[in-house]
């Protein structure tokens, strides 16, 4: 039996609660994936895996179903602390080739910076798999030029969520996830 996902959709969520677990549950509810059994997997986007909308994805699932996900998650209860979670995506132009997803989370960093970093990680993993050589210390735009010139990467993006701890003795939880459908 093969468990290679055929579809993927992306979600993100924010939650607040007096407990860490409660805040995470609220973030799952906000993302729309609270009623499933979640199994974290590593970050390969299978060949021929088609991205669908969150709405279409959720309509294909049943409560209690086991879902394989790539998830980034962050929590804090430090007053006014920012938390951020991001999934970076790099999809190859060749549909027979696998792509990459990356998870990255930060504290006190702007969501744009966290998202760009997560996206950069996914792109770098895919680009090096495809044989592109570039300086890992180069900035994102310089790296992007290297692999765009080859035409082997068709899409890159990130899914990022950010929250700030609002009250004393309250947890803030954020998540971003790629949800696979087999």
N, C-alpha and C. Protein backbone atom coordinates (compact mmCIF):
# COMPACT_ATOMS: atom_id res chain seq x y z
N UNK A 1 0.85 -1.18 0.00
CA UNK A 1 0.00 0.00 0.00
C UNK A 1 0.89 1.25 0.00
N UNK A 2 0.58 2.16 -0.86
CA UNK A 2 1.36 3.39 -0.99
C UNK A 2 0.66 4.56 -0.30
N UNK A 3 1.43 5.32 0.44
CA UNK A 3 0.90 6.49 1.14
C UNK A 3 1.47 7.78 0.56
N UNK A 4 1.58 7.86 -0.75
CA UNK A 4 2.10 9.07 -1.38
C UNK A 4 0.95 10.06 -1.57
N UNK A 5 1.04 11.21 -0.93
CA UNK A 5 -0.05 12.20 -1.06
C UNK A 5 -0.24 12.66 -2.50
N UNK A 6 -1.49 12.83 -2.87
CA UNK A 6 -1.86 13.31 -4.21
C UNK A 6 -2.23 14.79 -4.19
N UNK A 7 -2.62 15.30 -2.99
CA UNK A 7 -3.06 16.68 -2.86
C UNK A 7 -2.47 17.29 -1.59
N UNK A 8 -2.35 18.61 -1.60
CA UNK A 8 -1.88 19.35 -0.43
C UNK A 8 -2.65 20.66 -0.35
N UNK A 9 -2.93 21.09 0.88
CA UNK A 9 -3.44 22.44 1.08
C UNK A 9 -2.76 23.02 2.31
N UNK A 10 -2.85 24.34 2.42
CA UNK A 10 -2.12 25.04 3.46
C UNK A 10 -3.07 25.76 4.40
N UNK A 11 -2.71 25.74 5.70
CA UNK A 11 -3.52 26.40 6.72
C UNK A 11 -2.60 27.17 7.66
N UNK A 12 -3.21 28.10 8.38
CA UNK A 12 -2.50 28.80 9.45
C UNK A 12 -3.53 29.18 10.49
N UNK A 13 -3.05 29.36 11.75
CA UNK A 13 -3.98 29.68 12.82
C UNK A 13 -3.32 30.35 14.00
N UNK A 14 -4.16 31.05 14.76
CA UNK A 14 -3.74 31.75 15.98
C UNK A 14 -4.65 31.30 17.11
N UNK A 15 -4.09 31.14 18.31
CA UNK A 15 -4.90 30.81 19.47
C UNK A 15 -4.37 31.46 20.73
N UNK A 16 -5.29 31.80 21.63
CA UNK A 16 -4.95 32.39 22.94
C UNK A 16 -5.69 31.61 24.01
N UNK A 17 -4.99 31.35 25.14
CA UNK A 17 -5.63 30.62 26.24
C UNK A 17 -4.73 30.72 27.46
N UNK A 18 -5.29 30.42 28.63
CA UNK A 18 -4.50 30.45 29.86
C UNK A 18 -3.50 29.30 29.93
N UNK A 19 -3.73 28.24 29.14
CA UNK A 19 -2.78 27.12 29.10
C UNK A 19 -2.16 27.01 27.71
N UNK A 20 -0.97 26.46 27.68
CA UNK A 20 -0.26 26.26 26.42
C UNK A 20 -1.05 25.34 25.49
N UNK A 21 -1.54 24.23 26.03
CA UNK A 21 -2.32 23.29 25.24
C UNK A 21 -3.61 23.93 24.74
N UNK A 22 -4.26 24.70 25.60
CA UNK A 22 -5.50 25.38 25.19
C UNK A 22 -5.26 26.36 24.06
N UNK A 23 -4.14 27.09 24.13
CA UNK A 23 -3.81 28.04 23.06
C UNK A 23 -3.54 27.29 21.76
N UNK A 24 -2.85 26.16 21.84
CA UNK A 24 -2.58 25.37 20.64
C UNK A 24 -3.89 24.84 20.05
N UNK A 25 -4.79 24.36 20.90
CA UNK A 25 -6.09 23.89 20.42
C UNK A 25 -6.85 25.02 19.71
N UNK A 26 -6.80 26.22 20.26
CA UNK A 26 -7.47 27.36 19.62
C UNK A 26 -6.83 27.67 18.27
N UNK A 27 -5.51 27.54 18.17
CA UNK A 27 -4.83 27.76 16.90
C UNK A 27 -5.24 26.69 15.87
N UNK A 28 -5.36 25.44 16.32
CA UNK A 28 -5.84 24.37 15.44
C UNK A 28 -7.25 24.67 14.95
N UNK A 29 -8.12 25.14 15.85
CA UNK A 29 -9.49 25.49 15.47
C UNK A 29 -9.50 26.64 14.47
N UNK A 30 -8.68 27.64 14.73
CA UNK A 30 -8.59 28.79 13.83
C UNK A 30 -8.11 28.35 12.44
N UNK A 31 -7.24 27.36 12.40
CA UNK A 31 -6.73 26.84 11.13
C UNK A 31 -7.71 25.88 10.46
N UNK A 32 -8.67 25.35 11.24
CA UNK A 32 -9.66 24.44 10.69
C UNK A 32 -9.28 22.97 10.73
N UNK A 33 -8.23 22.61 11.50
CA UNK A 33 -7.78 21.21 11.50
C UNK A 33 -7.85 20.57 12.90
N UNK A 34 -8.68 21.11 13.76
CA UNK A 34 -8.76 20.61 15.14
C UNK A 34 -9.42 19.24 15.27
N UNK A 35 -10.21 18.84 14.31
CA UNK A 35 -10.99 17.59 14.44
C UNK A 35 -10.31 16.38 13.81
N UNK A 36 -9.01 16.52 13.49
CA UNK A 36 -8.29 15.43 12.85
C UNK A 36 -7.14 14.97 13.74
N UNK A 37 -6.69 13.74 13.51
CA UNK A 37 -5.51 13.20 14.18
C UNK A 37 -4.31 13.52 13.30
N UNK A 38 -3.42 14.33 13.84
CA UNK A 38 -2.33 14.89 13.05
C UNK A 38 -1.03 14.13 13.28
N UNK A 39 -0.37 13.79 12.18
CA UNK A 39 0.91 13.10 12.23
C UNK A 39 1.92 14.00 11.52
N UNK A 40 2.92 14.45 12.25
CA UNK A 40 3.96 15.29 11.65
C UNK A 40 4.91 14.44 10.81
N UNK A 41 5.19 14.93 9.62
CA UNK A 41 6.13 14.27 8.72
C UNK A 41 7.18 15.28 8.28
N UNK A 42 8.24 14.76 7.67
CA UNK A 42 9.29 15.67 7.18
C UNK A 42 8.80 16.40 5.93
N UNK A 43 9.68 17.05 5.25
CA UNK A 43 9.28 18.11 4.35
C UNK A 43 9.44 17.89 2.86
N UNK A 44 9.07 16.74 2.37
CA UNK A 44 9.11 16.49 0.93
C UNK A 44 7.71 16.68 0.35
N UNK A 45 7.64 17.49 -0.70
CA UNK A 45 6.40 17.66 -1.45
C UNK A 45 6.46 16.65 -2.60
N UNK A 46 5.61 15.60 -2.56
CA UNK A 46 5.74 14.51 -3.53
C UNK A 46 5.55 14.96 -4.98
N UNK A 47 6.17 14.22 -5.92
CA UNK A 47 5.92 14.50 -7.33
C UNK A 47 4.42 14.38 -7.61
N UNK A 48 3.91 15.20 -8.50
CA UNK A 48 2.51 15.19 -8.95
C UNK A 48 1.51 15.53 -7.84
N UNK A 49 1.97 16.03 -6.73
CA UNK A 49 1.07 16.43 -5.64
C UNK A 49 0.50 17.81 -6.02
N UNK A 50 -0.81 17.90 -6.11
CA UNK A 50 -1.49 19.10 -6.59
C UNK A 50 -1.97 19.93 -5.40
N UNK A 51 -1.72 21.23 -5.46
CA UNK A 51 -2.23 22.12 -4.41
C UNK A 51 -3.70 22.41 -4.66
N UNK A 52 -4.50 22.28 -3.61
CA UNK A 52 -5.92 22.62 -3.67
C UNK A 52 -6.21 23.67 -2.60
N UNK A 53 -7.38 24.25 -2.64
CA UNK A 53 -7.73 25.27 -1.65
C UNK A 53 -8.02 24.62 -0.30
N UNK A 54 -7.91 25.40 0.75
CA UNK A 54 -8.23 24.93 2.09
C UNK A 54 -9.68 24.44 2.14
N UNK A 55 -10.57 25.20 1.55
CA UNK A 55 -11.99 24.83 1.54
C UNK A 55 -12.20 23.47 0.88
N UNK A 56 -11.62 23.27 -0.31
CA UNK A 56 -11.75 21.98 -1.00
C UNK A 56 -11.11 20.85 -0.20
N UNK A 57 -9.97 21.13 0.40
CA UNK A 57 -9.30 20.11 1.19
C UNK A 57 -10.11 19.66 2.39
N UNK A 58 -10.63 20.62 3.14
CA UNK A 58 -11.41 20.29 4.34
C UNK A 58 -12.69 19.54 3.98
N UNK A 59 -13.27 19.83 2.83
CA UNK A 59 -14.49 19.13 2.40
C UNK A 59 -14.24 17.66 2.10
N UNK A 60 -13.00 17.27 1.84
CA UNK A 60 -12.66 15.89 1.51
C UNK A 60 -12.30 15.04 2.72
N UNK A 61 -12.35 15.64 3.92
CA UNK A 61 -11.89 14.96 5.12
C UNK A 61 -13.03 14.66 6.08
N UNK A 62 -12.79 13.65 6.94
CA UNK A 62 -13.78 13.24 7.94
C UNK A 62 -13.21 13.46 9.34
N UNK A 63 -14.04 13.86 10.31
CA UNK A 63 -13.56 14.00 11.69
C UNK A 63 -12.90 12.71 12.16
N UNK A 64 -11.76 12.86 12.83
CA UNK A 64 -11.02 11.71 13.33
C UNK A 64 -10.03 11.13 12.34
N UNK A 65 -10.09 11.57 11.09
CA UNK A 65 -9.19 11.06 10.07
C UNK A 65 -7.74 11.38 10.43
N UNK A 66 -6.83 10.46 10.11
CA UNK A 66 -5.41 10.69 10.31
C UNK A 66 -4.90 11.52 9.14
N UNK A 67 -4.26 12.63 9.46
CA UNK A 67 -3.69 13.51 8.44
C UNK A 67 -2.20 13.63 8.62
N UNK A 68 -1.49 13.52 7.52
CA UNK A 68 -0.06 13.76 7.53
C UNK A 68 0.16 15.24 7.22
N UNK A 69 0.93 15.89 8.08
CA UNK A 69 1.15 17.32 7.93
C UNK A 69 2.61 17.68 8.15
N UNK A 70 3.02 18.78 7.53
CA UNK A 70 4.29 19.43 7.86
C UNK A 70 3.87 20.69 8.58
N UNK A 71 4.27 20.82 9.86
CA UNK A 71 3.78 21.92 10.67
C UNK A 71 4.92 22.69 11.34
N UNK A 72 4.75 23.99 11.35
CA UNK A 72 5.60 24.88 12.13
C UNK A 72 4.72 25.46 13.22
N UNK A 73 5.26 25.56 14.43
CA UNK A 73 4.44 25.96 15.58
C UNK A 73 5.30 26.75 16.56
N UNK A 74 4.71 27.77 17.17
CA UNK A 74 5.42 28.54 18.20
C UNK A 74 4.42 29.02 19.24
N UNK A 75 4.87 29.05 20.50
CA UNK A 75 4.04 29.53 21.60
C UNK A 75 4.88 30.37 22.56
N UNK A 76 4.21 31.26 23.25
CA UNK A 76 4.85 32.03 24.31
C UNK A 76 3.78 32.54 25.26
N UNK A 77 4.20 32.81 26.50
CA UNK A 77 3.32 33.50 27.43
C UNK A 77 3.99 34.74 28.01
N UNK A 78 5.07 35.17 27.35
CA UNK A 78 5.77 36.39 27.75
C UNK A 78 5.01 37.60 27.19
N UNK A 79 4.51 38.44 28.05
CA UNK A 79 3.68 39.59 27.66
C UNK A 79 4.35 40.39 26.53
N UNK A 80 3.57 40.66 25.51
CA UNK A 80 3.95 41.44 24.33
C UNK A 80 5.01 40.77 23.45
N UNK A 81 5.27 39.50 23.69
CA UNK A 81 6.22 38.74 22.87
C UNK A 81 5.54 38.35 21.57
N UNK A 82 6.22 38.55 20.46
CA UNK A 82 5.71 38.11 19.17
C UNK A 82 6.16 36.70 18.88
N UNK A 83 5.25 35.89 18.34
CA UNK A 83 5.58 34.53 17.93
C UNK A 83 5.16 34.36 16.48
N UNK A 84 5.95 33.60 15.74
CA UNK A 84 5.70 33.47 14.31
C UNK A 84 6.02 32.05 13.86
N UNK A 85 5.18 31.50 12.99
CA UNK A 85 5.39 30.17 12.43
C UNK A 85 5.19 30.26 10.92
N UNK A 86 6.05 29.56 10.18
CA UNK A 86 5.98 29.66 8.73
C UNK A 86 6.33 28.34 8.06
N UNK A 87 5.69 28.09 6.94
CA UNK A 87 6.02 26.98 6.05
C UNK A 87 6.49 27.59 4.74
N UNK A 88 7.69 27.23 4.31
CA UNK A 88 8.20 27.65 3.01
C UNK A 88 7.92 26.57 2.00
N UNK A 89 7.66 26.97 0.76
CA UNK A 89 7.29 26.03 -0.30
C UNK A 89 8.16 26.29 -1.53
N UNK A 90 8.70 25.23 -2.11
CA UNK A 90 9.43 25.30 -3.37
C UNK A 90 8.95 24.15 -4.25
N UNK A 91 8.26 24.52 -5.35
CA UNK A 91 7.71 23.52 -6.26
C UNK A 91 8.52 23.50 -7.55
N UNK A 92 8.92 22.31 -7.99
CA UNK A 92 9.71 22.22 -9.22
C UNK A 92 8.85 22.37 -10.47
N UNK A 93 9.44 22.85 -11.55
CA UNK A 93 8.73 22.94 -12.83
C UNK A 93 8.44 21.55 -13.36
N UNK A 94 9.35 20.61 -13.15
CA UNK A 94 9.18 19.22 -13.60
C UNK A 94 8.30 18.50 -12.59
N UNK A 95 7.09 18.16 -12.97
CA UNK A 95 6.12 17.52 -12.06
C UNK A 95 6.54 16.11 -11.64
N UNK A 96 7.54 15.52 -12.34
CA UNK A 96 8.06 14.21 -11.94
C UNK A 96 9.09 14.33 -10.81
N UNK A 97 9.49 15.55 -10.49
CA UNK A 97 10.48 15.84 -9.45
C UNK A 97 9.75 16.20 -8.15
N UNK A 98 10.30 15.82 -7.02
CA UNK A 98 9.71 16.22 -5.75
C UNK A 98 10.14 17.64 -5.41
N UNK A 99 9.35 18.29 -4.58
CA UNK A 99 9.66 19.63 -4.10
C UNK A 99 9.96 19.60 -2.61
N UNK A 100 10.07 20.79 -2.03
CA UNK A 100 10.40 20.88 -0.61
C UNK A 100 9.46 21.82 0.13
N UNK A 101 9.24 21.47 1.38
CA UNK A 101 8.54 22.30 2.35
C UNK A 101 9.53 22.51 3.50
N UNK A 102 9.53 23.69 4.08
CA UNK A 102 10.41 23.91 5.23
C UNK A 102 9.59 24.51 6.36
N UNK A 103 9.96 24.16 7.58
CA UNK A 103 9.30 24.71 8.76
C UNK A 103 10.26 25.66 9.46
N UNK A 104 9.76 26.81 9.85
CA UNK A 104 10.59 27.77 10.55
C UNK A 104 9.71 28.55 11.52
N UNK A 105 10.19 28.73 12.75
CA UNK A 105 9.45 29.55 13.71
C UNK A 105 10.42 30.49 14.42
N UNK A 106 9.88 31.62 14.85
CA UNK A 106 10.72 32.64 15.48
C UNK A 106 9.97 33.31 16.62
N UNK A 107 10.73 34.06 17.41
CA UNK A 107 10.19 34.87 18.50
C UNK A 107 10.70 36.29 18.31
N UNK A 108 9.79 37.26 18.32
CA UNK A 108 10.17 38.65 18.24
C UNK A 108 10.62 39.12 16.86
N UNK A 109 10.34 38.35 15.83
CA UNK A 109 10.75 38.71 14.48
C UNK A 109 9.51 39.04 13.64
N UNK A 110 9.64 39.96 12.73
CA UNK A 110 8.52 40.33 11.86
C UNK A 110 8.12 39.14 10.99
N UNK A 111 6.81 38.99 10.74
CA UNK A 111 6.36 37.84 9.94
C UNK A 111 6.95 37.80 8.53
N UNK A 112 7.17 38.96 7.92
CA UNK A 112 7.75 38.99 6.57
C UNK A 112 9.14 38.36 6.56
N UNK A 113 9.93 38.67 7.58
CA UNK A 113 11.29 38.12 7.65
C UNK A 113 11.24 36.61 7.90
N UNK A 114 10.36 36.18 8.78
CA UNK A 114 10.22 34.74 9.06
C UNK A 114 9.76 34.00 7.81
N UNK A 115 8.77 34.54 7.12
CA UNK A 115 8.26 33.91 5.90
C UNK A 115 9.31 33.84 4.80
N UNK A 116 10.04 34.94 4.61
CA UNK A 116 11.09 34.95 3.59
C UNK A 116 12.16 33.91 3.91
N UNK A 117 12.50 33.78 5.19
CA UNK A 117 13.52 32.81 5.59
C UNK A 117 13.04 31.38 5.33
N UNK A 118 11.78 31.08 5.69
CA UNK A 118 11.23 29.74 5.46
C UNK A 118 11.21 29.42 3.97
N UNK A 119 10.79 30.39 3.17
CA UNK A 119 10.76 30.20 1.72
C UNK A 119 12.17 29.97 1.18
N UNK A 120 13.12 30.74 1.66
CA UNK A 120 14.50 30.61 1.24
C UNK A 120 15.05 29.23 1.57
N UNK A 121 14.71 28.70 2.74
CA UNK A 121 15.16 27.35 3.12
C UNK A 121 14.64 26.31 2.14
N UNK A 122 13.34 26.38 1.81
CA UNK A 122 12.75 25.41 0.89
C UNK A 122 13.39 25.52 -0.49
N UNK A 123 13.59 26.74 -0.95
CA UNK A 123 14.19 26.97 -2.26
C UNK A 123 15.62 26.43 -2.31
N UNK A 124 16.37 26.70 -1.26
CA UNK A 124 17.76 26.24 -1.23
C UNK A 124 17.83 24.71 -1.26
N UNK A 125 16.95 24.05 -0.50
CA UNK A 125 16.95 22.59 -0.48
C UNK A 125 16.62 22.04 -1.86
N UNK A 126 15.60 22.61 -2.53
CA UNK A 126 15.24 22.14 -3.86
C UNK A 126 16.32 22.48 -4.88
N UNK A 127 16.82 23.68 -4.84
CA UNK A 127 17.82 24.11 -5.82
C UNK A 127 19.08 23.24 -5.75
N UNK A 128 19.54 22.92 -4.55
CA UNK A 128 20.74 22.09 -4.44
C UNK A 128 20.46 20.66 -4.89
N UNK A 129 19.24 20.18 -4.68
CA UNK A 129 18.84 18.85 -5.17
C UNK A 129 18.87 18.82 -6.70
N UNK A 130 18.52 19.95 -7.31
CA UNK A 130 18.49 20.05 -8.77
C UNK A 130 19.86 20.36 -9.37
N UNK A 131 20.88 20.49 -8.51
CA UNK A 131 22.23 20.69 -8.99
C UNK A 131 22.70 22.13 -9.08
N UNK A 132 21.91 23.08 -8.58
CA UNK A 132 22.33 24.47 -8.59
C UNK A 132 23.32 24.71 -7.46
N UNK A 133 24.38 25.36 -7.77
CA UNK A 133 25.37 25.70 -6.76
C UNK A 133 25.34 27.21 -6.55
N UNK A 134 25.24 27.61 -5.30
CA UNK A 134 25.30 29.03 -4.99
C UNK A 134 25.81 29.22 -3.58
N UNK A 135 26.20 30.42 -3.30
CA UNK A 135 26.76 30.77 -2.00
C UNK A 135 25.63 30.80 -0.96
N UNK A 136 25.66 29.93 0.07
CA UNK A 136 24.60 29.93 1.08
C UNK A 136 24.53 31.23 1.86
N UNK A 137 25.60 32.03 1.81
CA UNK A 137 25.60 33.32 2.51
C UNK A 137 25.09 34.47 1.64
N UNK A 138 24.79 34.18 0.37
CA UNK A 138 24.26 35.22 -0.51
C UNK A 138 22.86 35.61 -0.04
N UNK A 139 22.44 36.81 -0.40
CA UNK A 139 21.09 37.22 0.01
C UNK A 139 20.06 36.51 -0.86
N UNK A 140 18.81 36.58 -0.43
CA UNK A 140 17.73 35.85 -1.08
C UNK A 140 17.60 36.21 -2.55
N UNK A 141 17.68 37.50 -2.89
CA UNK A 141 17.52 37.92 -4.28
C UNK A 141 18.63 37.36 -5.17
N UNK A 142 19.86 37.30 -4.65
CA UNK A 142 20.97 36.73 -5.42
C UNK A 142 20.75 35.24 -5.67
N UNK A 143 20.29 34.52 -4.66
CA UNK A 143 20.00 33.09 -4.82
C UNK A 143 18.86 32.88 -5.82
N UNK A 144 17.84 33.71 -5.70
CA UNK A 144 16.68 33.58 -6.58
C UNK A 144 17.10 33.72 -8.05
N UNK A 145 18.00 34.63 -8.34
CA UNK A 145 18.47 34.81 -9.72
C UNK A 145 19.15 33.55 -10.23
N UNK A 146 19.91 32.87 -9.38
CA UNK A 146 20.63 31.66 -9.80
C UNK A 146 19.66 30.59 -10.26
N UNK A 147 18.61 30.31 -9.48
CA UNK A 147 17.73 29.22 -9.89
C UNK A 147 16.65 29.66 -10.86
N UNK A 148 16.27 30.92 -10.90
CA UNK A 148 15.29 31.38 -11.88
C UNK A 148 15.86 31.29 -13.28
N UNK A 149 17.17 31.54 -13.42
CA UNK A 149 17.80 31.49 -14.73
C UNK A 149 17.73 30.07 -15.30
N UNK A 150 17.72 29.06 -14.45
CA UNK A 150 17.65 27.68 -14.91
C UNK A 150 16.25 27.23 -15.26
N UNK A 151 15.22 27.93 -14.80
CA UNK A 151 13.84 27.58 -15.11
C UNK A 151 13.37 26.27 -14.50
N UNK A 152 14.04 25.78 -13.48
CA UNK A 152 13.69 24.48 -12.91
C UNK A 152 12.76 24.58 -11.70
N UNK A 153 12.59 25.77 -11.16
CA UNK A 153 11.69 25.95 -10.02
C UNK A 153 10.55 26.84 -10.48
N UNK A 154 9.32 26.34 -10.36
CA UNK A 154 8.18 27.06 -10.92
C UNK A 154 7.50 27.98 -9.92
N UNK A 155 7.47 27.57 -8.65
CA UNK A 155 6.77 28.40 -7.67
C UNK A 155 7.44 28.31 -6.32
N UNK A 156 7.52 29.46 -5.67
CA UNK A 156 7.96 29.52 -4.28
C UNK A 156 7.01 30.44 -3.54
N UNK A 157 6.78 30.12 -2.27
CA UNK A 157 5.92 30.96 -1.45
C UNK A 157 6.10 30.56 0.00
N UNK A 158 5.41 31.29 0.87
CA UNK A 158 5.39 30.91 2.28
C UNK A 158 4.00 31.14 2.85
N UNK A 159 3.69 30.38 3.87
CA UNK A 159 2.44 30.50 4.62
C UNK A 159 2.88 30.82 6.04
N UNK A 160 2.52 32.00 6.53
CA UNK A 160 3.07 32.50 7.78
C UNK A 160 1.97 33.04 8.68
N UNK A 161 2.08 32.75 9.96
CA UNK A 161 1.15 33.28 10.96
C UNK A 161 1.93 33.94 12.07
N UNK A 162 1.37 35.03 12.61
CA UNK A 162 2.05 35.83 13.63
C UNK A 162 1.03 36.27 14.69
N UNK A 163 1.45 36.28 15.93
CA UNK A 163 0.60 36.79 17.02
C UNK A 163 1.50 37.39 18.10
N UNK A 164 0.90 38.22 18.91
CA UNK A 164 1.58 38.83 20.05
C UNK A 164 0.84 38.43 21.32
N UNK A 165 1.58 38.07 22.35
CA UNK A 165 0.96 37.75 23.64
C UNK A 165 0.28 39.01 24.15
N UNK A 166 -1.03 38.92 24.40
CA UNK A 166 -1.84 40.09 24.70
C UNK A 166 -1.97 40.40 26.19
N UNK A 167 -2.00 39.35 27.00
CA UNK A 167 -2.28 39.53 28.43
C UNK A 167 -1.31 38.73 29.28
N UNK A 168 -1.09 39.22 30.50
CA UNK A 168 -0.28 38.49 31.46
C UNK A 168 -0.95 37.14 31.75
N UNK A 169 -0.17 36.11 31.89
CA UNK A 169 -0.66 34.76 32.17
C UNK A 169 -1.56 34.20 31.07
N UNK A 170 -1.33 34.62 29.85
CA UNK A 170 -2.05 34.06 28.71
C UNK A 170 -1.03 33.60 27.68
N UNK A 171 -1.27 32.42 27.14
CA UNK A 171 -0.43 31.89 26.08
C UNK A 171 -0.94 32.35 24.73
N UNK A 172 -0.01 32.61 23.82
CA UNK A 172 -0.33 32.82 22.41
C UNK A 172 0.32 31.67 21.65
N UNK A 173 -0.42 31.10 20.71
CA UNK A 173 0.09 30.00 19.91
C UNK A 173 -0.19 30.30 18.44
N UNK A 174 0.78 30.02 17.59
CA UNK A 174 0.59 30.16 16.14
C UNK A 174 1.06 28.89 15.45
N UNK A 175 0.45 28.62 14.31
CA UNK A 175 0.88 27.47 13.51
C UNK A 175 0.69 27.78 12.04
N UNK A 176 1.48 27.13 11.24
CA UNK A 176 1.32 27.10 9.78
C UNK A 176 1.57 25.66 9.39
N UNK A 177 0.78 25.16 8.45
CA UNK A 177 0.92 23.73 8.10
C UNK A 177 0.56 23.46 6.65
N UNK A 178 1.23 22.46 6.11
CA UNK A 178 0.88 21.85 4.83
C UNK A 178 0.15 20.56 5.19
N UNK A 179 -1.06 20.39 4.68
CA UNK A 179 -1.88 19.22 5.00
C UNK A 179 -1.97 18.36 3.75
N UNK A 180 -1.55 17.10 3.88
CA UNK A 180 -1.57 16.18 2.76
C UNK A 180 -2.85 15.35 2.73
N UNK A 181 -3.33 15.10 1.52
CA UNK A 181 -4.46 14.17 1.30
C UNK A 181 -3.93 13.05 0.42
N UNK A 182 -4.13 11.83 0.88
CA UNK A 182 -3.63 10.66 0.16
C UNK A 182 -4.70 10.15 -0.78
